[in-house]
PDB file of N, CA and C in Angstrom:
ATOM      1  N   UNK A   1      13.632  13.152   4.964  1.00  0.00           N
ATOM      2  CA  UNK A   1      12.252  13.001   5.215  1.00  0.00           C
ATOM      3  C   UNK A   1      11.670  12.288   6.066  1.00  0.00           C
ATOM      4  N   UNK A   2      11.095  13.124   7.096  1.00  0.00           N
ATOM      5  CA  UNK A   2      10.792  12.452   8.237  1.00  0.00           C
ATOM      6  C   UNK A   2      10.205  11.181   8.321  1.00  0.00           C
ATOM      7  N   UNK A   3      10.021  10.899   9.330  1.00  0.00           N
ATOM      8  CA  UNK A   3       9.499   9.255   9.331  1.00  0.00           C
ATOM      9  C   UNK A   3       7.849   9.065   9.513  1.00  0.00           C
ATOM     10  N   UNK A   4       7.239   9.989   9.797  1.00  0.00           N
ATOM     11  CA  UNK A   4       5.716  10.707   9.452  1.00  0.00           C
ATOM     12  C   UNK A   4       5.482  10.706   8.284  1.00  0.00           C
ATOM     13  N   UNK A   5       6.466  10.991   7.306  1.00  0.00           N
ATOM     14  CA  UNK A   5       5.635  11.197   5.931  1.00  0.00           C
ATOM     15  C   UNK A   5       6.302   9.959   4.920  1.00  0.00           C
ATOM     16  N   UNK A   6       7.273   9.133   5.507  1.00  0.00           N
ATOM     17  CA  UNK A   6       7.965   8.098   4.673  1.00  0.00           C
ATOM     18  C   UNK A   6       6.774   7.015   5.172  1.00  0.00           C
ATOM     19  N   UNK A   7       6.690   7.093   6.532  1.00  0.00           N
ATOM     20  CA  UNK A   7       5.201   5.993   6.852  1.00  0.00           C
ATOM     21  C   UNK A   7       4.389   6.141   5.829  1.00  0.00           C
ATOM     22  N   UNK A   8       3.600   7.345   5.936  1.00  0.00           N
ATOM     23  CA  UNK A   8       2.616   7.249   5.525  1.00  0.00           C
ATOM     24  C   UNK A   8       2.421   7.551   3.955  1.00  0.00           C
ATOM     25  N   UNK A   9       3.613   7.911   3.086  1.00  0.00           N
ATOM     26  CA  UNK A   9       3.435   7.501   1.546  1.00  0.00           C
ATOM     27  C   UNK A   9       3.810   5.901   1.332  1.00  0.00           C
ATOM     28  N   UNK A  10       4.813   5.249   2.476  1.00  0.00           N
ATOM     29  CA  UNK A  10       4.737   3.792   2.232  1.00  0.00           C
ATOM     30  C   UNK A  10       3.420   3.208   2.469  1.00  0.00           C
ATOM     31  N   UNK A  11       2.353   3.839   2.887  1.00  0.00           N
ATOM     32  CA  UNK A  11       1.371   2.885   3.662  1.00  0.00           C
ATOM     33  C   UNK A  11       0.628   2.820   2.273  1.00  0.00           C
ATOM     34  N   UNK A  12       0.517   4.330   1.807  1.00  0.00           N
ATOM     35  CA  UNK A  12      -0.037   4.605   0.608  1.00  0.00           C
ATOM     36  C   UNK A  12       0.144   3.840  -0.540  1.00  0.00           C
ATOM     37  N   UNK A  13       1.649   3.749  -1.002  1.00  0.00           N
ATOM     38  CA  UNK A  13       2.019   2.514  -1.986  1.00  0.00           C
ATOM     39  C   UNK A  13       2.417   1.451  -1.858  1.00  0.00           C
ATOM     40  N   UNK A  14       2.206   0.940  -0.524  1.00  0.00           N
ATOM     41  CA  UNK A  14       1.871  -0.562  -0.375  1.00  0.00           C
ATOM     42  C   UNK A  14       0.530  -0.734  -0.837  1.00  0.00           C
ATOM     43  N   UNK A  15      -0.267   0.001  -0.347  1.00  0.00           N
ATOM     44  CA  UNK A  15      -1.806  -0.811  -0.948  1.00  0.00           C
ATOM     45  C   UNK A  15      -1.501  -0.302  -2.293  1.00  0.00           C
ATOM     46  N   UNK A  16      -0.887   0.613  -3.049  1.00  0.00           N
ATOM     47  CA  UNK A  16      -1.556   0.796  -4.325  1.00  0.00           C
ATOM     48  C   UNK A  16      -0.754  -0.384  -5.076  1.00  0.00           C
ATOM     49  N   UNK A  17       0.750  -0.522  -4.559  1.00  0.00           N
ATOM     50  CA  UNK A  17       1.561  -1.980  -4.918  1.00  0.00           C
ATOM     51  C   UNK A  17       0.075  -3.291  -5.012  1.00  0.00           C
ATOM     52  N   UNK A  18      -0.445  -3.229  -3.560  1.00  0.00           N
ATOM     53  CA  UNK A  18      -1.344  -4.607  -3.955  1.00  0.00           C
ATOM     54  C   UNK A  18      -2.334  -4.349  -4.520  1.00  0.00           C
ATOM     55  N   UNK A  19      -2.769  -3.583  -4.913  1.00  0.00           N
ATOM     56  CA  UNK A  19      -4.053  -3.959  -5.975  1.00  0.00           C
ATOM     57  C   UNK A  19      -3.409  -3.648  -7.718  1.00  0.00           C
ATOM     58  N   UNK A  20      -2.260  -3.106  -7.566  1.00  0.00           N
ATOM     59  CA  UNK A  20      -1.982  -3.087  -9.227  1.00  0.00           C
ATOM     60  C   UNK A  20      -2.016  -4.294 -10.015  1.00  0.00           C
ATOM     61  N   UNK A  21      -1.575  -5.335  -9.585  1.00  0.00           N
ATOM     62  CA  UNK A  21      -1.707  -6.432 -10.503  1.00  0.00           C
ATOM     63  C   UNK A  21      -3.213  -6.772 -11.098  1.00  0.00           C
ATOM     64  N   UNK A  22      -4.463  -6.313 -10.219  1.00  0.00           N
ATOM     65  CA  UNK A  22      -5.643  -6.407 -10.183  1.00  0.00           C
ATOM     66  C   UNK A  22      -6.221  -5.215 -11.064  1.00  0.00           C
ATOM     67  N   UNK A  23      -5.653  -4.152 -11.475  1.00  0.00           N
ATOM     68  CA  UNK A  23      -6.301  -2.955 -12.059  1.00  0.00           C
ATOM     69  C   UNK A  23      -5.907  -3.096 -13.868  1.00  0.00           C
ATOM     70  N   UNK A  24      -5.188  -4.008 -14.210  1.00  0.00           N
ATOM     71  CA  UNK A  24      -4.930  -4.316 -15.818  1.00  0.00           C
ATOM     72  C   UNK A  24      -3.611  -3.623 -16.646  1.00  0.00           C
ATOM     73  N   UNK A  25      -4.030  -2.735 -17.416  1.00  0.00           N
ATOM     74  CA  UNK A  25      -3.198  -2.659 -18.462  1.00  0.00           C
ATOM     75  C   UNK A  25      -2.287  -1.507 -17.808  1.00  0.00           C
ATOM     76  N   UNK A  26      -0.802  -1.114 -18.328  1.00  0.00           N
ATOM     77  CA  UNK A  26      -0.129  -0.563 -17.639  1.00  0.00           C
ATOM     78  C   UNK A  26      -1.066   0.901 -17.816  1.00  0.00           C
ATOM     79  N   UNK A  27      -1.345   1.690 -18.534  1.00  0.00           N
ATOM     80  CA  UNK A  27      -1.615   3.106 -18.498  1.00  0.00           C
ATOM     81  C   UNK A  27      -2.721   3.240 -17.406  1.00  0.00           C
ATOM     82  N   UNK A  28      -3.608   2.305 -17.327  1.00  0.00           N
ATOM     83  CA  UNK A  28      -4.700   2.019 -16.135  1.00  0.00           C
ATOM     84  C   UNK A  28      -3.933   2.230 -14.667  1.00  0.00           C
ATOM     85  N   UNK A  29      -2.793   1.416 -14.110  1.00  0.00           N
ATOM     86  CA  UNK A  29      -1.967   1.605 -13.832  1.00  0.00           C
ATOM     87  C   UNK A  29      -1.560   3.013 -13.214  1.00  0.00           C
ATOM     88  N   UNK A  30      -0.773   3.508 -14.312  1.00  0.00           N
ATOM     89  CA  UNK A  30       0.035   4.734 -14.104  1.00  0.00           C
ATOM     90  C   UNK A  30      -0.985   6.028 -13.770  1.00  0.00           C
ATOM     91  N   UNK A  31      -2.095   5.848 -14.772  1.00  0.00           N
ATOM     92  CA  UNK A  31      -3.349   6.719 -14.215  1.00  0.00           C
ATOM     93  C   UNK A  31      -3.825   6.413 -12.791  1.00  0.00           C
ATOM     94  N   UNK A  32      -3.938   5.549 -12.073  1.00  0.00           N
ATOM     95  CA  UNK A  32      -4.178   4.793 -10.925  1.00  0.00           C
ATOM     96  C   UNK A  32      -2.954   5.964  -9.612  1.00  0.00           C
ATOM     97  N   UNK A  33      -1.731   5.377  -9.760  1.00  0.00           N
ATOM     98  CA  UNK A  33      -1.258   5.668  -9.381  1.00  0.00           C
ATOM     99  C   UNK A  33      -0.217   7.354  -9.111  1.00  0.00           C
ATOM    100  N   UNK A  34      -0.517   7.895 -10.479  1.00  0.00           N
ATOM    101  CA  UNK A  34      -0.632   9.387 -10.253  1.00  0.00           C
ATOM    102  C   UNK A  34      -1.705   9.779  -9.246  1.00  0.00           C
ATOM    103  N   UNK A  35      -2.861   9.149  -9.036  1.00  0.00           N
ATOM    104  CA  UNK A  35      -4.231   9.817  -8.668  1.00  0.00           C
ATOM    105  C   UNK A  35      -3.782   9.695  -7.408  1.00  0.00           C
ATOM    106  N   UNK A  36      -3.458   8.261  -6.964  1.00  0.00           N
ATOM    107  CA  UNK A  36      -3.294   7.965  -5.332  1.00  0.00           C
ATOM    108  C   UNK A  36      -1.887   9.136  -4.925  1.00  0.00           C
ATOM    109  N   UNK A  37      -1.292   9.420  -5.941  1.00  0.00           N
ATOM    110  CA  UNK A  37      -0.243  10.036  -4.948  1.00  0.00           C
ATOM    111  C   UNK A  37      -0.541  11.441  -4.999  1.00  0.00           C
ATOM    112  N   UNK A  38      -1.460  12.051  -5.848  1.00  0.00           N
ATOM    113  CA  UNK A  38      -1.911  13.399  -5.372  1.00  0.00           C
ATOM    114  C   UNK A  38      -2.856  13.496  -4.422  1.00  0.00           C
ATOM    115  N   UNK A  39      -3.424  12.248  -4.180  1.00  0.00           N
ATOM    116  CA  UNK A  39      -4.444  12.556  -3.027  1.00  0.00           C
ATOM    117  C   UNK A  39      -4.193  12.137  -1.730  1.00  0.00           C
ATOM    118  N   UNK A  40      -2.861  11.358  -2.053  1.00  0.00           N
ATOM    119  CA  UNK A  40      -2.047  11.469  -1.174  1.00  0.00           C
ATOM    120  C   UNK A  40      -1.430  12.319  -0.459  1.00  0.00           C
ATOM    121  N   UNK A  41      -0.430  13.347  -1.228  1.00  0.00           N
ATOM    122  CA  UNK A  41      -0.148  14.531  -1.046  1.00  0.00           C
ATOM    123  C   UNK A  41      -1.466  15.238  -0.163  1.00  0.00           C
ATOM    124  N   UNK A  42      -2.391  15.515  -0.842  1.00  0.00           N
ATOM    125  CA  UNK A  42      -3.046  16.182  -0.736  1.00  0.00           C
ATOM    126  C   UNK A  42      -4.049  15.988   0.770  1.00  0.00           C
ATOM    127  N   UNK A  43      -3.648  14.822   1.085  1.00  0.00           N
ATOM    128  CA  UNK A  43      -4.382  14.370   2.369  1.00  0.00           C
ATOM    129  C   UNK A  43      -3.314  14.223   3.400  1.00  0.00           C
ATOM    130  N   UNK A  44      -2.018  14.328   3.751  1.00  0.00           N
ATOM    131  CA  UNK A  44      -1.020  14.161   4.605  1.00  0.00           C
ATOM    132  C   UNK A  44      -0.951  15.397   5.342  1.00  0.00           C
ATOM    133  N   UNK A  45      -1.233  16.985   4.941  1.00  0.00           N
ATOM    134  CA  UNK A  45      -1.324  17.385   5.975  1.00  0.00           C
ATOM    135  C   UNK A  45      -2.509  17.769   6.932  1.00  0.00           C
ATOM    136  N   UNK A  46      -3.922  17.197   6.326  1.00  0.00           N
ATOM    137  CA  UNK A  46      -4.975  17.186   6.775  1.00  0.00           C
ATOM    138  C   UNK A  46      -4.740  16.118   8.329  1.00  0.00           C
ATOM    139  N   UNK A  47      -4.006  14.749   7.435  1.00  0.00           N
ATOM    140  CA  UNK A  47      -3.833  13.977   8.812  1.00  0.00           C
ATOM    141  C   UNK A  47      -3.254  14.763  10.028  1.00  0.00           C
ATOM    142  N   UNK A  48      -1.678  15.198   9.960  1.00  0.00           N
ATOM    143  CA  UNK A  48      -0.966  15.614  10.409  1.00  0.00           C
ATOM    144  C   UNK A  48      -1.824  16.563  11.401  1.00  0.00           C
ATOM    145  N   UNK A  49      -2.939  17.464  10.684  1.00  0.00           N
ATOM    146  CA  UNK A  49      -3.187  18.111  11.424  1.00  0.00           C
ATOM    147  C   UNK A  49      -4.177  17.719  12.636  1.00  0.00           C
ATOM    148  N   UNK A  50      -5.237  16.556  11.939  1.00  0.00           N
ATOM    149  CA  UNK A  50      -6.021  15.974  12.889  1.00  0.00           C
ATOM    150  C   UNK A  50      -5.328  15.296  13.948  1.00  0.00           C
ATOM    151  N   UNK A  51      -4.228  14.785  13.901  1.00  0.00           N
ATOM    152  CA  UNK A  51      -3.172  14.283  15.083  1.00  0.00           C
ATOM    153  C   UNK A  51      -2.380  14.751  15.900  1.00  0.00           C
ATOM    154  N   UNK A  52      -2.340  16.588  15.530  1.00  0.00           N
ATOM    155  CA  UNK A  52      -1.737  17.326  16.337  1.00  0.00           C
ATOM    156  C   UNK A  52       0.053  17.173  15.765  1.00  0.00           C
ATOM    157  N   UNK A  53       0.156  16.849  14.531  1.00  0.00           N
ATOM    158  CA  UNK A  53       1.469  16.763  14.431  1.00  0.00           C
ATOM    159  C   UNK A  53       2.073  18.186  13.495  1.00  0.00           C
ATOM    160  N   UNK A  54       1.312  18.717  13.455  1.00  0.00           N
ATOM    161  CA  UNK A  54       1.633  20.006  12.777  1.00  0.00           C
ATOM    162  C   UNK A  54       1.573  21.448  13.197  1.00  0.00           C
TER     163      UNK A  54
END
């Protein structure tokens, strides 16, 4: 995995982990994690192209 990709997902997962205890029940955290993962995978190519890295 590239350092840019690993860093991007690290930031996204770190932010989600910081909020996870406040989200409540397990199923809410699971759905939130899935939504954040899909959004992050969709956003990464746009972030890279806007920074001129793609």
